[in-house]
């Protein structure tokens, strides 16, 4: 009972800190988006407006991520017996696709408006510099929380914020070049660079979510450790077919072991339960362990 409470407390802490991180991201991005769009309009800068529109999209995406984390924290139900953990993976791919779309849209607009504006370099520099400072801070914080709790949706958000740092850097460089050369073409060029960086990061986000959906082989080191735990367990022989599936922030484990053929059902259940608890104790992220028992040597020692 105490172990259950501890696990519940860990889950509540994970959800609470993840949601807090997302809220901070929403508030920060709202301020930055308004700043960049306003400065972009006042300063006639296509690249700064594009950067601001992308940050506005970040606010919308973060709201979806917030909802996904809340859904993922719900306990298993009759309809979803394995829980809702994969909601984070689904939203990771949604975020990635929306980032790619934003990149393509900004690229098209940049090409269409090429050479038609006369931006103010100083406003581009000021807006981009403020954005870089804010995005670096929130991205670093988001990465820290995401890695601490193995949260894919939060990690996707952090990567998206990091892409904004590179995008704003392109605007910053464009502003400097405009001030030095007095050539306005550097603004749409910076906007095109922004779009490419954004689209690339979107592809990377989608790529990070696909392995979980396809249930790619998970964590070779973890499999090796589970093998060693099972091998050292009394009465347990030849652990094999160890497989791990990722379900959002959690892991589902199944494996086969061999037990003495003349062992009673009660004793076999006791051994298997002990092994299951040992695996869960070693790996708190393991939500469920399914163990298939077989007689040693395929039944040759059966009585």
Protein backbone atom coordinates (compact mmCIF):
# COMPACT_ATOMS: atom_id res chain seq x y z
CA UNK A 1 0.00 0.00 0.00
CA UNK A 2 2.84 2.35 0.84
CA UNK A 3 4.62 1.57 -2.44
CA UNK A 4 1.40 2.37 -4.30
CA UNK A 5 1.16 5.73 -2.57
CA UNK A 6 4.77 6.49 -3.42
CA UNK A 7 4.15 5.67 -7.10
CA UNK A 8 1.05 7.83 -7.10
CA UNK A 9 2.98 10.71 -5.56
CA UNK A 10 5.67 10.37 -8.25
CA UNK A 11 3.03 10.44 -10.98
CA UNK A 12 1.32 13.49 -9.48
CA UNK A 13 4.70 15.27 -9.23
CA UNK A 14 5.49 14.43 -12.86
CA UNK A 15 2.16 15.77 -14.09
CA UNK A 16 2.29 18.89 -11.90
CA UNK A 17 5.83 19.90 -12.92
CA UNK A 18 5.21 19.13 -16.59
CA UNK A 19 2.06 21.26 -16.64
CA UNK A 20 3.85 24.10 -14.83
CA UNK A 21 6.63 24.05 -17.44
CA UNK A 22 4.07 24.21 -20.26
CA UNK A 23 2.26 27.14 -18.60
CA UNK A 24 5.52 29.07 -18.30
CA UNK A 25 6.15 28.37 -21.99
CA UNK A 26 2.69 29.63 -22.95
CA UNK A 27 3.07 32.88 -20.99
CA UNK A 28 6.61 33.53 -22.27
CA UNK A 29 5.70 32.82 -25.89
CA UNK A 30 2.61 35.03 -25.73
CA UNK A 31 4.74 38.01 -24.69
CA UNK A 32 7.45 37.27 -27.28
CA UNK A 33 4.91 36.74 -30.09
CA UNK A 34 3.23 40.08 -29.44
CA UNK A 35 6.59 41.84 -29.23
CA UNK A 36 7.91 40.39 -32.50
CA UNK A 37 4.73 40.88 -34.52
CA UNK A 38 4.35 44.51 -33.35
CA UNK A 39 8.02 45.34 -33.99
CA UNK A 40 7.86 43.54 -37.33
CA UNK A 41 4.86 45.62 -38.44
CA UNK A 42 6.35 48.88 -37.19
CA UNK A 43 9.76 48.04 -38.68
CA UNK A 44 8.41 46.62 -42.01
CA UNK A 45 10.29 43.35 -41.37
CA UNK A 46 8.91 40.20 -43.03
CA UNK A 47 11.36 37.97 -41.16
CA UNK A 48 10.45 39.37 -37.73
CA UNK A 49 6.72 39.04 -38.45
CA UNK A 50 7.33 35.45 -39.65
CA UNK A 51 9.24 34.72 -36.45
CA UNK A 52 6.39 36.24 -34.42
CA UNK A 53 3.74 34.20 -36.27
CA UNK A 54 5.75 31.03 -35.57
CA UNK A 55 5.90 31.93 -31.88
CA UNK A 56 2.13 32.51 -31.91
CA UNK A 57 1.78 29.00 -33.32
CA UNK A 58 3.93 27.80 -30.40
CA UNK A 59 1.33 29.15 -27.98
CA UNK A 60 -1.43 27.19 -29.71
CA UNK A 61 0.69 24.02 -29.86
CA UNK A 62 1.59 24.34 -26.18
CA UNK A 63 -2.09 24.44 -25.29
CA UNK A 64 -2.51 21.10 -27.10
CA UNK A 65 0.54 19.68 -25.30
CA UNK A 66 -0.89 20.86 -21.98
CA UNK A 67 -4.07 18.94 -22.71
CA UNK A 68 -2.13 15.85 -23.83
CA UNK A 69 -0.12 15.72 -20.58
CA UNK A 70 -3.35 15.94 -18.57
CA UNK A 71 -4.88 13.09 -20.60
CA UNK A 72 -1.73 10.96 -20.27
CA UNK A 73 -1.87 11.25 -16.48
CA UNK A 74 -5.33 9.66 -16.31
CA UNK A 75 -5.43 6.13 -14.82
CA UNK A 76 -6.28 3.13 -17.07
CA UNK A 77 -9.94 2.62 -17.84
CA UNK A 78 -12.10 -0.18 -19.22
CA UNK A 79 -11.88 1.39 -22.65
CA UNK A 80 -8.11 2.05 -22.41
CA UNK A 81 -6.75 -0.74 -20.16
CA UNK A 82 -3.11 0.26 -20.77
CA UNK A 83 -3.77 3.89 -19.84
CA UNK A 84 -3.50 7.08 -21.86
CA UNK A 85 0.29 7.49 -21.92
CA UNK A 86 0.50 7.47 -25.70
CA UNK A 87 -1.46 10.73 -25.87
CA UNK A 88 1.92 12.44 -25.43
CA UNK A 89 3.32 10.56 -28.43
CA UNK A 90 0.33 11.46 -30.60
CA UNK A 91 0.64 15.16 -29.76
CA UNK A 92 4.41 14.97 -30.40
CA UNK A 93 3.69 14.05 -34.01
CA UNK A 94 0.93 16.66 -34.29
CA UNK A 95 3.36 19.32 -33.06
CA UNK A 96 6.01 18.13 -35.52
CA UNK A 97 3.63 18.23 -38.50
CA UNK A 98 2.37 21.70 -37.55
CA UNK A 99 5.95 22.96 -37.27
CA UNK A 100 6.72 21.65 -40.78
CA UNK A 101 3.55 23.31 -42.10
CA UNK A 102 4.52 26.62 -40.46
CA UNK A 103 7.97 26.42 -42.06
CA UNK A 104 6.55 25.81 -45.54
CA UNK A 105 4.01 28.64 -45.13
CA UNK A 106 6.67 31.13 -43.99
CA UNK A 107 8.92 30.09 -46.91
CA UNK A 108 6.14 30.72 -49.45
CA UNK A 109 5.30 34.13 -47.97
CA UNK A 110 8.97 35.12 -47.88
CA UNK A 111 9.47 34.31 -51.55
CA UNK A 112 6.25 36.15 -52.49
CA UNK A 113 7.26 39.34 -50.62
CA UNK A 114 10.92 39.23 -51.66
CA UNK A 115 12.30 42.74 -52.12
CA UNK A 116 8.96 44.48 -51.49
CA UNK A 117 9.73 45.80 -47.99
CA UNK A 118 12.21 48.27 -46.50
CA UNK A 119 12.82 47.00 -42.96
CA UNK A 120 14.36 48.86 -40.04
CA UNK A 121 17.46 46.89 -39.00
CA UNK A 122 17.54 48.20 -35.43
CA UNK A 123 14.04 46.94 -34.65
CA UNK A 124 14.90 43.55 -36.14
CA UNK A 125 17.97 43.36 -33.91
CA UNK A 126 16.10 44.38 -30.79
CA UNK A 127 13.17 42.02 -31.38
CA UNK A 128 15.37 39.06 -32.34
CA UNK A 129 17.75 39.57 -29.39
CA UNK A 130 14.89 39.61 -26.90
CA UNK A 131 13.43 36.50 -28.50
CA UNK A 132 16.74 34.61 -28.35
CA UNK A 133 17.21 35.31 -24.64
CA UNK A 134 13.64 34.27 -23.83
CA UNK A 135 13.69 31.15 -26.01
CA UNK A 136 17.06 29.92 -24.73
CA UNK A 137 15.82 30.21 -21.15
CA UNK A 138 12.48 28.48 -21.70
CA UNK A 139 13.98 25.80 -23.97
CA UNK A 140 16.66 24.89 -21.40
CA UNK A 141 14.04 24.68 -18.65
CA UNK A 142 11.72 22.59 -20.83
CA UNK A 143 14.54 20.18 -21.77
CA UNK A 144 15.38 19.72 -18.09
CA UNK A 145 11.80 18.86 -17.09
CA UNK A 146 11.22 16.68 -20.19
CA UNK A 147 14.33 14.56 -19.58
CA UNK A 148 13.63 14.29 -15.86
CA UNK A 149 10.18 12.81 -16.48
CA UNK A 150 10.78 11.15 -19.86
CA UNK A 151 8.03 13.30 -21.41
CA UNK A 152 8.06 13.11 -25.23
CA UNK A 153 5.49 15.86 -25.74
CA UNK A 154 7.47 18.24 -23.55
CA UNK A 155 10.69 17.25 -25.34
CA UNK A 156 9.04 18.07 -28.69
CA UNK A 157 8.07 21.46 -27.30
CA UNK A 158 11.63 22.09 -26.10
CA UNK A 159 13.04 21.21 -29.55
CA UNK A 160 10.50 23.50 -31.18
CA UNK A 161 11.60 26.37 -28.89
CA UNK A 162 15.22 25.62 -29.76
CA UNK A 163 14.41 25.93 -33.47
CA UNK A 164 13.03 29.40 -32.67
CA UNK A 165 16.44 30.37 -31.24
CA UNK A 166 18.09 29.54 -34.59
CA UNK A 167 15.27 31.28 -36.45
CA UNK A 168 15.62 34.46 -34.38
CA UNK A 169 19.40 34.30 -34.89
CA UNK A 170 18.79 34.50 -38.65
CA UNK A 171 16.64 37.60 -38.09
CA UNK A 172 19.36 39.08 -35.88
CA UNK A 173 22.04 38.54 -38.52
CA UNK A 174 19.72 39.95 -41.18
CA UNK A 175 19.20 43.08 -39.09
CA UNK A 176 22.93 43.60 -38.66
CA UNK A 177 23.57 43.14 -42.39
CA UNK A 178 20.82 45.61 -43.28
CA UNK A 179 22.35 48.20 -40.94
CA UNK A 180 25.83 47.66 -42.37
CA UNK A 181 24.99 47.35 -46.11
CA UNK A 182 21.64 49.19 -46.29
CA UNK A 183 20.40 46.35 -48.53
CA UNK A 184 16.81 45.37 -47.68
CA UNK A 185 17.03 41.96 -49.38
CA UNK A 186 18.63 40.54 -46.25
CA UNK A 187 15.21 40.65 -44.54
CA UNK A 188 13.42 38.15 -46.84
CA UNK A 189 16.62 36.10 -47.00
CA UNK A 190 16.56 35.89 -43.19
CA UNK A 191 12.88 34.94 -43.38
CA UNK A 192 13.67 32.09 -45.80
CA UNK A 193 16.40 30.85 -43.44
CA UNK A 194 13.87 31.02 -40.59
CA UNK A 195 11.42 28.87 -42.58
CA UNK A 196 14.06 26.23 -43.40
CA UNK A 197 15.20 25.96 -39.77
CA UNK A 198 11.59 25.64 -38.58
CA UNK A 199 10.72 22.95 -41.15
CA UNK A 200 13.89 20.97 -40.36
CA UNK A 201 13.11 20.98 -36.63
CA UNK A 202 9.57 19.82 -37.42
CA UNK A 203 10.96 16.82 -39.32
CA UNK A 204 13.22 15.98 -36.35
CA UNK A 205 10.25 16.15 -33.95
CA UNK A 206 8.19 13.79 -36.11
CA UNK A 207 11.14 11.40 -36.41
CA UNK A 208 11.44 11.26 -32.61
CA UNK A 209 7.80 10.15 -32.22
CA UNK A 210 7.69 7.47 -34.95
CA UNK A 211 9.77 4.77 -33.15
CA UNK A 212 7.29 4.63 -30.25
CA UNK A 213 4.27 4.38 -32.53
CA UNK A 214 6.00 1.61 -34.51
CA UNK A 215 7.10 -0.04 -31.23
CA UNK A 216 10.76 -0.12 -32.15
CA UNK A 217 13.03 -2.21 -29.92
CA UNK A 218 13.47 -0.18 -26.75
CA UNK A 219 16.59 0.38 -24.65
CA UNK A 220 19.12 -2.45 -25.05
CA UNK A 221 20.77 -1.64 -21.70
CA UNK A 222 17.44 -1.93 -19.92
CA UNK A 223 16.83 -5.34 -21.52
CA UNK A 224 20.28 -6.48 -20.36
CA UNK A 225 19.60 -5.36 -16.79
CA UNK A 226 16.23 -7.12 -16.71
CA UNK A 227 17.97 -10.27 -17.94
CA UNK A 228 20.48 -10.06 -15.09
CA UNK A 229 17.73 -9.44 -12.50
CA UNK A 230 15.80 -12.50 -13.72
CA UNK A 231 18.93 -14.64 -13.94
CA UNK A 232 19.84 -13.94 -10.28
CA UNK A 233 16.33 -14.66 -9.00
CA UNK A 234 15.99 -17.95 -7.03
CA UNK A 235 14.37 -20.84 -8.98
CA UNK A 236 14.44 -18.77 -12.20
CA UNK A 237 16.31 -20.14 -15.22
CA UNK A 238 17.00 -19.09 -18.81
CA UNK A 239 15.21 -15.72 -19.04
CA UNK A 240 14.51 -15.02 -22.72
CA UNK A 241 12.24 -13.21 -25.17
CA UNK A 242 12.58 -10.01 -23.15
CA UNK A 243 10.67 -7.24 -24.89
CA UNK A 244 9.98 -3.66 -23.88
CA UNK A 245 7.35 -1.34 -25.28
CA UNK A 246 7.19 2.38 -24.64
CA UNK A 247 3.85 3.88 -23.71
CA UNK A 248 4.35 7.63 -23.38
CA UNK A 249 6.56 8.09 -20.31
CA UNK A 250 6.12 4.46 -19.22
CA UNK A 251 7.42 1.04 -20.22
CA UNK A 252 5.61 -2.28 -20.59
CA UNK A 253 7.79 -5.38 -20.18
CA UNK A 254 7.15 -8.98 -21.15
CA UNK A 255 9.54 -11.93 -20.85
CA UNK A 256 9.74 -15.70 -20.65
CA UNK A 257 11.42 -17.63 -17.84
CA UNK A 258 11.90 -21.32 -17.02
CA UNK A 259 10.93 -22.81 -13.64
CA UNK A 260 11.31 -26.32 -12.19
CA UNK A 261 8.58 -28.46 -13.75
CA UNK A 262 7.49 -29.97 -10.44
CA UNK A 263 7.07 -26.59 -8.75
CA UNK A 264 3.60 -25.94 -7.34
CA UNK A 265 1.41 -23.28 -8.89
CA UNK A 266 1.43 -21.33 -5.63
CA UNK A 267 5.24 -21.32 -5.49
CA UNK A 268 5.52 -20.39 -9.18
CA UNK A 269 3.19 -17.44 -8.60
CA UNK A 270 5.33 -16.35 -5.64
CA UNK A 271 8.55 -16.47 -7.71
CA UNK A 272 7.01 -14.58 -10.63
CA UNK A 273 5.54 -11.89 -8.34
CA UNK A 274 8.92 -11.43 -6.68
CA UNK A 275 10.58 -11.00 -10.09
CA UNK A 276 7.91 -8.52 -11.22
CA UNK A 277 8.40 -6.40 -8.09
CA UNK A 278 12.19 -6.49 -8.49
CA UNK A 279 11.92 -5.17 -12.08
CA UNK A 280 9.49 -2.41 -11.10
CA UNK A 281 11.67 -1.42 -8.15
CA UNK A 282 14.72 -1.12 -10.39
CA UNK A 283 12.84 0.75 -13.13
CA UNK A 284 10.10 3.06 -11.77
CA UNK A 285 9.01 3.81 -15.34
CA UNK A 286 7.85 0.19 -15.78
CA UNK A 287 4.08 0.19 -15.47
CA UNK A 288 3.38 -3.47 -16.16
CA UNK A 289 5.34 -6.74 -16.36
CA UNK A 290 3.94 -9.83 -18.09
CA UNK A 291 5.87 -13.05 -17.39
CA UNK A 292 5.33 -16.34 -19.21
CA UNK A 293 6.53 -19.39 -17.25
CA UNK A 294 7.84 -22.55 -18.91
CA UNK A 295 9.19 -25.81 -17.42
CA UNK A 296 12.98 -26.19 -17.51
CA UNK A 297 14.19 -27.70 -20.77
CA UNK A 298 10.77 -27.64 -22.37
CA UNK A 299 9.21 -30.00 -19.83
CA UNK A 300 11.88 -32.75 -19.65
CA UNK A 301 11.95 -32.57 -15.84
CA UNK A 302 8.13 -32.83 -15.52
CA UNK A 303 6.95 -35.35 -12.96
